[in-house]
PDB file of all heavy atoms in Angstrom:
ATOM      1  N   ASP A   1     -24.094   5.457  15.203  1.00  0.00           N
ATOM      2  CA  ASP A   1     -23.790   4.050  15.188  1.00  0.00           C
ATOM      3  C   ASP A   1     -23.694   3.515  13.744  1.00  0.00           C
ATOM      4  O   ASP A   1     -22.616   2.714  13.538  1.00  0.00           O
ATOM      5  CB  ASP A   1     -24.807   3.262  15.981  1.00  0.00           C
ATOM      6  CG  ASP A   1     -24.373   1.708  16.150  1.00  0.00           C
ATOM      7  OD1 ASP A   1     -23.319   1.315  16.635  1.00  0.00           O
ATOM      8  OD2 ASP A   1     -25.256   0.904  15.654  1.00  0.00           O
ATOM      9  N   MET A   2     -24.521   3.900  12.934  1.00  0.00           N
ATOM     10  CA  MET A   2     -24.504   3.555  11.530  1.00  0.00           C
ATOM     11  C   MET A   2     -23.293   3.995  10.754  1.00  0.00           C
ATOM     12  O   MET A   2     -22.605   3.351  10.020  1.00  0.00           O
ATOM     13  CB  MET A   2     -25.854   3.907  10.869  1.00  0.00           C
ATOM     14  CG  MET A   2     -25.880   3.371   9.353  1.00  0.00           C
ATOM     15  SD  MET A   2     -27.411   3.729   8.496  1.00  0.00           S
ATOM     16  CE  MET A   2     -27.355   5.404   8.491  1.00  0.00           C
ATOM     17  N   ILE A   3     -23.067   5.311  11.013  1.00  0.00           N
ATOM     18  CA  ILE A   3     -21.931   5.936  10.177  1.00  0.00           C
ATOM     19  C   ILE A   3     -20.604   5.198  10.724  1.00  0.00           C
ATOM     20  O   ILE A   3     -19.666   4.948   9.929  1.00  0.00           O
ATOM     21  CB  ILE A   3     -21.917   7.454  10.561  1.00  0.00           C
ATOM     22  CG1 ILE A   3     -23.099   8.079  10.018  1.00  0.00           C
ATOM     23  CG2 ILE A   3     -20.697   8.049   9.865  1.00  0.00           C
ATOM     24  CD1 ILE A   3     -23.426   7.902   8.446  1.00  0.00           C
ATOM     25  N   GLU A   4     -20.500   4.972  11.995  1.00  0.00           N
ATOM     26  CA  GLU A   4     -19.233   4.339  12.505  1.00  0.00           C
ATOM     27  C   GLU A   4     -19.184   2.940  11.850  1.00  0.00           C
ATOM     28  O   GLU A   4     -18.050   2.406  11.624  1.00  0.00           O
ATOM     29  CB  GLU A   4     -19.350   4.228  14.022  1.00  0.00           C
ATOM     30  CG  GLU A   4     -19.097   5.515  14.709  1.00  0.00           C
ATOM     31  CD  GLU A   4     -19.276   5.333  16.324  1.00  0.00           C
ATOM     32  OE1 GLU A   4     -19.302   4.185  16.794  1.00  0.00           O
ATOM     33  OE2 GLU A   4     -19.607   6.342  16.972  1.00  0.00           O
ATOM     34  N   TYR A   5     -20.279   2.293  11.620  1.00  0.00           N
ATOM     35  CA  TYR A   5     -20.227   0.928  11.092  1.00  0.00           C
ATOM     36  C   TYR A   5     -19.758   1.080   9.522  1.00  0.00           C
ATOM     37  O   TYR A   5     -19.126   0.207   9.098  1.00  0.00           O
ATOM     38  CB  TYR A   5     -21.577   0.282  11.214  1.00  0.00           C
ATOM     39  CG  TYR A   5     -21.791  -1.005  10.258  1.00  0.00           C
ATOM     40  CD1 TYR A   5     -21.081  -2.162  10.695  1.00  0.00           C
ATOM     41  CD2 TYR A   5     -22.448  -0.970   9.209  1.00  0.00           C
ATOM     42  CE1 TYR A   5     -21.234  -3.350  10.011  1.00  0.00           C
ATOM     43  CE2 TYR A   5     -22.620  -2.101   8.500  1.00  0.00           C
ATOM     44  CZ  TYR A   5     -22.017  -3.305   8.879  1.00  0.00           C
ATOM     45  OH  TYR A   5     -22.115  -4.375   8.100  1.00  0.00           O
ATOM     46  N   LEU A   6     -20.377   2.069   8.828  1.00  0.00           N
ATOM     47  CA  LEU A   6     -20.238   2.091   7.494  1.00  0.00           C
ATOM     48  C   LEU A   6     -18.730   2.573   7.092  1.00  0.00           C
ATOM     49  O   LEU A   6     -18.215   2.305   5.987  1.00  0.00           O
ATOM     50  CB  LEU A   6     -21.214   3.172   6.870  1.00  0.00           C
ATOM     51  CG  LEU A   6     -22.676   2.721   6.740  1.00  0.00           C
ATOM     52  CD1 LEU A   6     -23.512   3.718   6.322  1.00  0.00           C
ATOM     53  CD2 LEU A   6     -22.777   1.467   5.982  1.00  0.00           C
ATOM     54  N   LEU A   7     -18.160   3.580   7.706  1.00  0.00           N
ATOM     55  CA  LEU A   7     -16.981   4.151   7.403  1.00  0.00           C
ATOM     56  C   LEU A   7     -15.817   3.138   7.069  1.00  0.00           C
ATOM     57  O   LEU A   7     -15.140   3.255   5.996  1.00  0.00           O
ATOM     58  CB  LEU A   7     -16.421   5.106   8.354  1.00  0.00           C
ATOM     59  CG  LEU A   7     -17.132   6.495   8.572  1.00  0.00           C
ATOM     60  CD1 LEU A   7     -16.622   7.405   9.616  1.00  0.00           C
ATOM     61  CD2 LEU A   7     -17.167   7.192   7.134  1.00  0.00           C
ATOM     62  N   PRO A   8     -15.548   2.120   7.934  1.00  0.00           N
ATOM     63  CA  PRO A   8     -14.478   1.299   7.580  1.00  0.00           C
ATOM     64  C   PRO A   8     -14.862   0.374   6.213  1.00  0.00           C
ATOM     65  O   PRO A   8     -13.949   0.023   5.487  1.00  0.00           O
ATOM     66  CB  PRO A   8     -14.474   0.252   8.691  1.00  0.00           C
ATOM     67  CG  PRO A   8     -15.036   0.997   9.838  1.00  0.00           C
ATOM     68  CD  PRO A   8     -16.172   1.899   9.239  1.00  0.00           C
ATOM     69  N   LEU A   9     -16.174   0.196   6.024  1.00  0.00           N
ATOM     70  CA  LEU A   9     -16.504  -0.553   4.818  1.00  0.00           C
ATOM     71  C   LEU A   9     -16.301   0.259   3.579  1.00  0.00           C
ATOM     72  O   LEU A   9     -15.857  -0.197   2.509  1.00  0.00           O
ATOM     73  CB  LEU A   9     -18.020  -0.933   4.901  1.00  0.00           C
ATOM     74  CG  LEU A   9     -18.340  -1.901   6.098  1.00  0.00           C
ATOM     75  CD1 LEU A   9     -19.868  -2.136   6.196  1.00  0.00           C
ATOM     76  CD2 LEU A   9     -17.471  -3.173   6.121  1.00  0.00           C
ATOM     77  N   TYR A  10     -16.715   1.547   3.659  1.00  0.00           N
ATOM     78  CA  TYR A  10     -16.401   2.506   2.567  1.00  0.00           C
ATOM     79  C   TYR A  10     -14.805   2.570   2.315  1.00  0.00           C
ATOM     80  O   TYR A  10     -14.415   2.569   1.042  1.00  0.00           O
ATOM     81  CB  TYR A  10     -16.934   3.883   2.824  1.00  0.00           C
ATOM     82  CG  TYR A  10     -18.432   4.057   2.727  1.00  0.00           C
ATOM     83  CD1 TYR A  10     -19.203   4.623   3.672  1.00  0.00           C
ATOM     84  CD2 TYR A  10     -18.967   3.604   1.486  1.00  0.00           C
ATOM     85  CE1 TYR A  10     -20.602   4.689   3.432  1.00  0.00           C
ATOM     86  CE2 TYR A  10     -20.311   3.700   1.337  1.00  0.00           C
ATOM     87  CZ  TYR A  10     -21.090   4.278   2.323  1.00  0.00           C
ATOM     88  OH  TYR A  10     -22.547   4.410   2.130  1.00  0.00           O
ATOM     89  N   ILE A  11     -14.054   2.676   3.228  1.00  0.00           N
ATOM     90  CA  ILE A  11     -12.643   2.701   3.211  1.00  0.00           C
ATOM     91  C   ILE A  11     -12.086   1.431   2.556  1.00  0.00           C
ATOM     92  O   ILE A  11     -11.246   1.482   1.478  1.00  0.00           O
ATOM     93  CB  ILE A  11     -11.893   2.873   4.474  1.00  0.00           C
ATOM     94  CG1 ILE A  11     -12.187   4.297   5.018  1.00  0.00           C
ATOM     95  CG2 ILE A  11     -10.377   2.778   4.358  1.00  0.00           C
ATOM     96  CD1 ILE A  11     -11.712   4.516   6.519  1.00  0.00           C
ATOM     97  N   GLU A  12     -12.662   0.257   2.913  1.00  0.00           N
ATOM     98  CA  GLU A  12     -12.248  -1.059   2.245  1.00  0.00           C
ATOM     99  C   GLU A  12     -12.481  -1.068   0.828  1.00  0.00           C
ATOM    100  O   GLU A  12     -11.828  -1.627   0.006  1.00  0.00           O
ATOM    101  CB  GLU A  12     -12.906  -2.113   3.089  1.00  0.00           C
ATOM    102  CG  GLU A  12     -12.522  -3.528   2.607  1.00  0.00           C
ATOM    103  CD  GLU A  12     -13.194  -4.577   3.490  1.00  0.00           C
ATOM    104  OE1 GLU A  12     -13.668  -4.357   4.557  1.00  0.00           O
ATOM    105  OE2 GLU A  12     -13.220  -5.731   2.937  1.00  0.00           O
ATOM    106  N   GLU A  13     -13.661  -0.418   0.434  1.00  0.00           N
ATOM    107  CA  GLU A  13     -13.972  -0.393  -1.020  1.00  0.00           C
ATOM    108  C   GLU A  13     -13.328   0.628  -1.797  1.00  0.00           C
ATOM    109  O   GLU A  13     -13.630   0.834  -2.975  1.00  0.00           O
ATOM    110  CB  GLU A  13     -15.546  -0.220  -1.070  1.00  0.00           C
ATOM    111  CG  GLU A  13     -16.326  -1.506  -0.758  1.00  0.00           C
ATOM    112  CD  GLU A  13     -15.872  -2.630  -1.807  1.00  0.00           C
ATOM    113  OE1 GLU A  13     -15.958  -2.422  -3.063  1.00  0.00           O
ATOM    114  OE2 GLU A  13     -15.462  -3.738  -1.287  1.00  0.00           O
ATOM    115  N   GLY A  14     -12.394   1.463  -1.090  1.00  0.00           N
ATOM    116  CA  GLY A  14     -11.573   2.431  -1.841  1.00  0.00           C
ATOM    117  C   GLY A  14     -12.169   3.817  -1.936  1.00  0.00           C
ATOM    118  O   GLY A  14     -11.785   4.540  -2.736  1.00  0.00           O
ATOM    119  N   LYS A  15     -13.259   4.024  -1.159  1.00  0.00           N
ATOM    120  CA  LYS A  15     -13.907   5.451  -1.207  1.00  0.00           C
ATOM    121  C   LYS A  15     -12.990   6.471  -0.522  1.00  0.00           C
ATOM    122  O   LYS A  15     -12.490   6.241   0.650  1.00  0.00           O
ATOM    123  CB  LYS A  15     -15.241   5.329  -0.530  1.00  0.00           C
ATOM    124  CG  LYS A  15     -16.204   6.414  -1.000  1.00  0.00           C
ATOM    125  CD  LYS A  15     -17.596   6.092  -0.519  1.00  0.00           C
ATOM    126  CE  LYS A  15     -18.466   7.334  -0.974  1.00  0.00           C
ATOM    127  NZ  LYS A  15     -18.564   7.567  -2.270  1.00  0.00           N
ATOM    128  N   TYR A  16     -12.746   7.578  -1.186  1.00  0.00           N
ATOM    129  CA  TYR A  16     -11.811   8.611  -0.679  1.00  0.00           C
ATOM    130  C   TYR A  16     -12.700   9.611   0.211  1.00  0.00           C
ATOM    131  O   TYR A  16     -12.152  10.093   1.136  1.00  0.00           O
ATOM    132  CB  TYR A  16     -11.170   9.385  -1.816  1.00  0.00           C
ATOM    133  CG  TYR A  16     -10.084   8.755  -2.502  1.00  0.00           C
ATOM    134  CD1 TYR A  16     -10.374   8.217  -3.775  1.00  0.00           C
ATOM    135  CD2 TYR A  16      -8.914   8.407  -1.884  1.00  0.00           C
ATOM    136  CE1 TYR A  16      -9.390   7.538  -4.469  1.00  0.00           C
ATOM    137  CE2 TYR A  16      -7.866   7.805  -2.582  1.00  0.00           C
ATOM    138  CZ  TYR A  16      -8.058   7.416  -3.871  1.00  0.00           C
ATOM    139  OH  TYR A  16      -7.134   6.689  -4.573  1.00  0.00           O
ATOM    140  N   SER A  17     -13.935   9.824  -0.227  1.00  0.00           N
ATOM    141  CA  SER A  17     -14.647  10.859   0.527  1.00  0.00           C
ATOM    142  C   SER A  17     -16.040  10.409   0.586  1.00  0.00           C
ATOM    143  O   SER A  17     -16.548   9.562  -0.119  1.00  0.00           O
ATOM    144  CB  SER A  17     -14.617  12.153  -0.259  1.00  0.00           C
ATOM    145  OG  SER A  17     -15.134  12.095  -1.512  1.00  0.00           O
ATOM    146  N   LEU A  18     -16.810  10.881   1.641  1.00  0.00           N
ATOM    147  CA  LEU A  18     -18.176  10.555   1.866  1.00  0.00           C
ATOM    148  C   LEU A  18     -18.870  11.789   2.242  1.00  0.00           C
ATOM    149  O   LEU A  18     -18.548  12.544   3.092  1.00  0.00           O
ATOM    150  CB  LEU A  18     -18.321   9.586   3.057  1.00  0.00           C
ATOM    151  CG  LEU A  18     -19.619   9.081   3.431  1.00  0.00           C
ATOM    152  CD1 LEU A  18     -20.219   8.204   2.290  1.00  0.00           C
ATOM    153  CD2 LEU A  18     -19.642   8.399   4.766  1.00  0.00           C
ATOM    154  N   THR A  19     -19.963  12.130   1.532  1.00  0.00           N
ATOM    155  CA  THR A  19     -20.753  13.298   1.831  1.00  0.00           C
ATOM    156  C   THR A  19     -22.156  12.836   2.461  1.00  0.00           C
ATOM    157  O   THR A  19     -22.873  12.138   1.769  1.00  0.00           O
ATOM    158  CB  THR A  19     -21.105  14.108   0.530  1.00  0.00           C
ATOM    159  OG1 THR A  19     -19.800  14.571  -0.059  1.00  0.00           O
ATOM    160  CG2 THR A  19     -21.961  15.361   0.844  1.00  0.00           C
ATOM    161  N   ILE A  20     -22.292  13.341   3.738  1.00  0.00           N
ATOM    162  CA  ILE A  20     -23.508  12.987   4.430  1.00  0.00           C
ATOM    163  C   ILE A  20     -24.454  14.284   4.451  1.00  0.00           C
ATOM    164  O   ILE A  20     -23.912  15.298   5.041  1.00  0.00           O
ATOM    165  CB  ILE A  20     -23.209  12.599   5.858  1.00  0.00           C
ATOM    166  CG1 ILE A  20     -22.288  11.340   5.737  1.00  0.00           C
ATOM    167  CG2 ILE A  20     -24.561  12.140   6.632  1.00  0.00           C
ATOM    168  CD1 ILE A  20     -21.659  10.904   7.205  1.00  0.00           C
ATOM    169  N   ALA A  21     -25.605  14.283   3.909  1.00  0.00           N
ATOM    170  CA  ALA A  21     -26.421  15.408   3.954  1.00  0.00           C
ATOM    171  C   ALA A  21     -27.659  15.079   4.929  1.00  0.00           C
ATOM    172  O   ALA A  21     -28.220  14.143   4.960  1.00  0.00           O
ATOM    173  CB  ALA A  21     -27.073  15.586   2.507  1.00  0.00           C
ATOM    174  N   ILE A  22     -27.776  16.300   5.716  1.00  0.00           N
ATOM    175  CA  ILE A  22     -28.918  16.330   6.719  1.00  0.00           C
ATOM    176  C   ILE A  22     -29.847  17.306   6.322  1.00  0.00           C
ATOM    177  O   ILE A  22     -29.396  18.439   6.217  1.00  0.00           O
ATOM    178  CB  ILE A  22     -28.393  16.576   8.197  1.00  0.00           C
ATOM    179  CG1 ILE A  22     -27.111  15.574   8.400  1.00  0.00           C
ATOM    180  CG2 ILE A  22     -29.398  16.406   9.203  1.00  0.00           C
ATOM    181  CD1 ILE A  22     -27.543  14.178   8.681  1.00  0.00           C
ATOM    182  N   GLY A  23     -31.054  17.001   5.998  1.00  0.00           N
ATOM    183  CA  GLY A  23     -32.006  17.900   5.613  1.00  0.00           C
ATOM    184  C   GLY A  23     -33.142  18.203   6.448  1.00  0.00           C
ATOM    185  O   GLY A  23     -33.766  17.276   6.993  1.00  0.00           O
ATOM    186  N   CYS A  24     -33.663  19.489   6.581  1.00  0.00           N
ATOM    187  CA  CYS A  24     -34.891  19.754   7.217  1.00  0.00           C
ATOM    188  C   CYS A  24     -35.659  20.756   6.249  1.00  0.00           C
ATOM    189  O   CYS A  24     -35.159  20.906   5.094  1.00  0.00           O
ATOM    190  CB  CYS A  24     -34.769  20.525   8.585  1.00  0.00           C
ATOM    191  SG  CYS A  24     -33.766  22.102   8.592  1.00  0.00           S
ATOM    192  N   THR A  25     -36.694  21.381   6.563  1.00  0.00           N
ATOM    193  CA  THR A  25     -37.355  22.185   5.725  1.00  0.00           C
ATOM    194  C   THR A  25     -36.683  23.304   5.063  1.00  0.00           C
ATOM    195  O   THR A  25     -36.553  23.453   3.898  1.00  0.00           O
ATOM    196  CB  THR A  25     -38.705  22.728   6.425  1.00  0.00           C
ATOM    197  OG1 THR A  25     -39.441  21.655   6.899  1.00  0.00           O
ATOM    198  CG2 THR A  25     -39.546  23.529   5.338  1.00  0.00           C
TER     199      THR A  25
END
């Protein structure tokens, strides 16, 4: 839900790429 909300905002600000890192041990 958060990523879906953020993507249009990043696009509006001119961001070409987004790296989402998911970490465990």
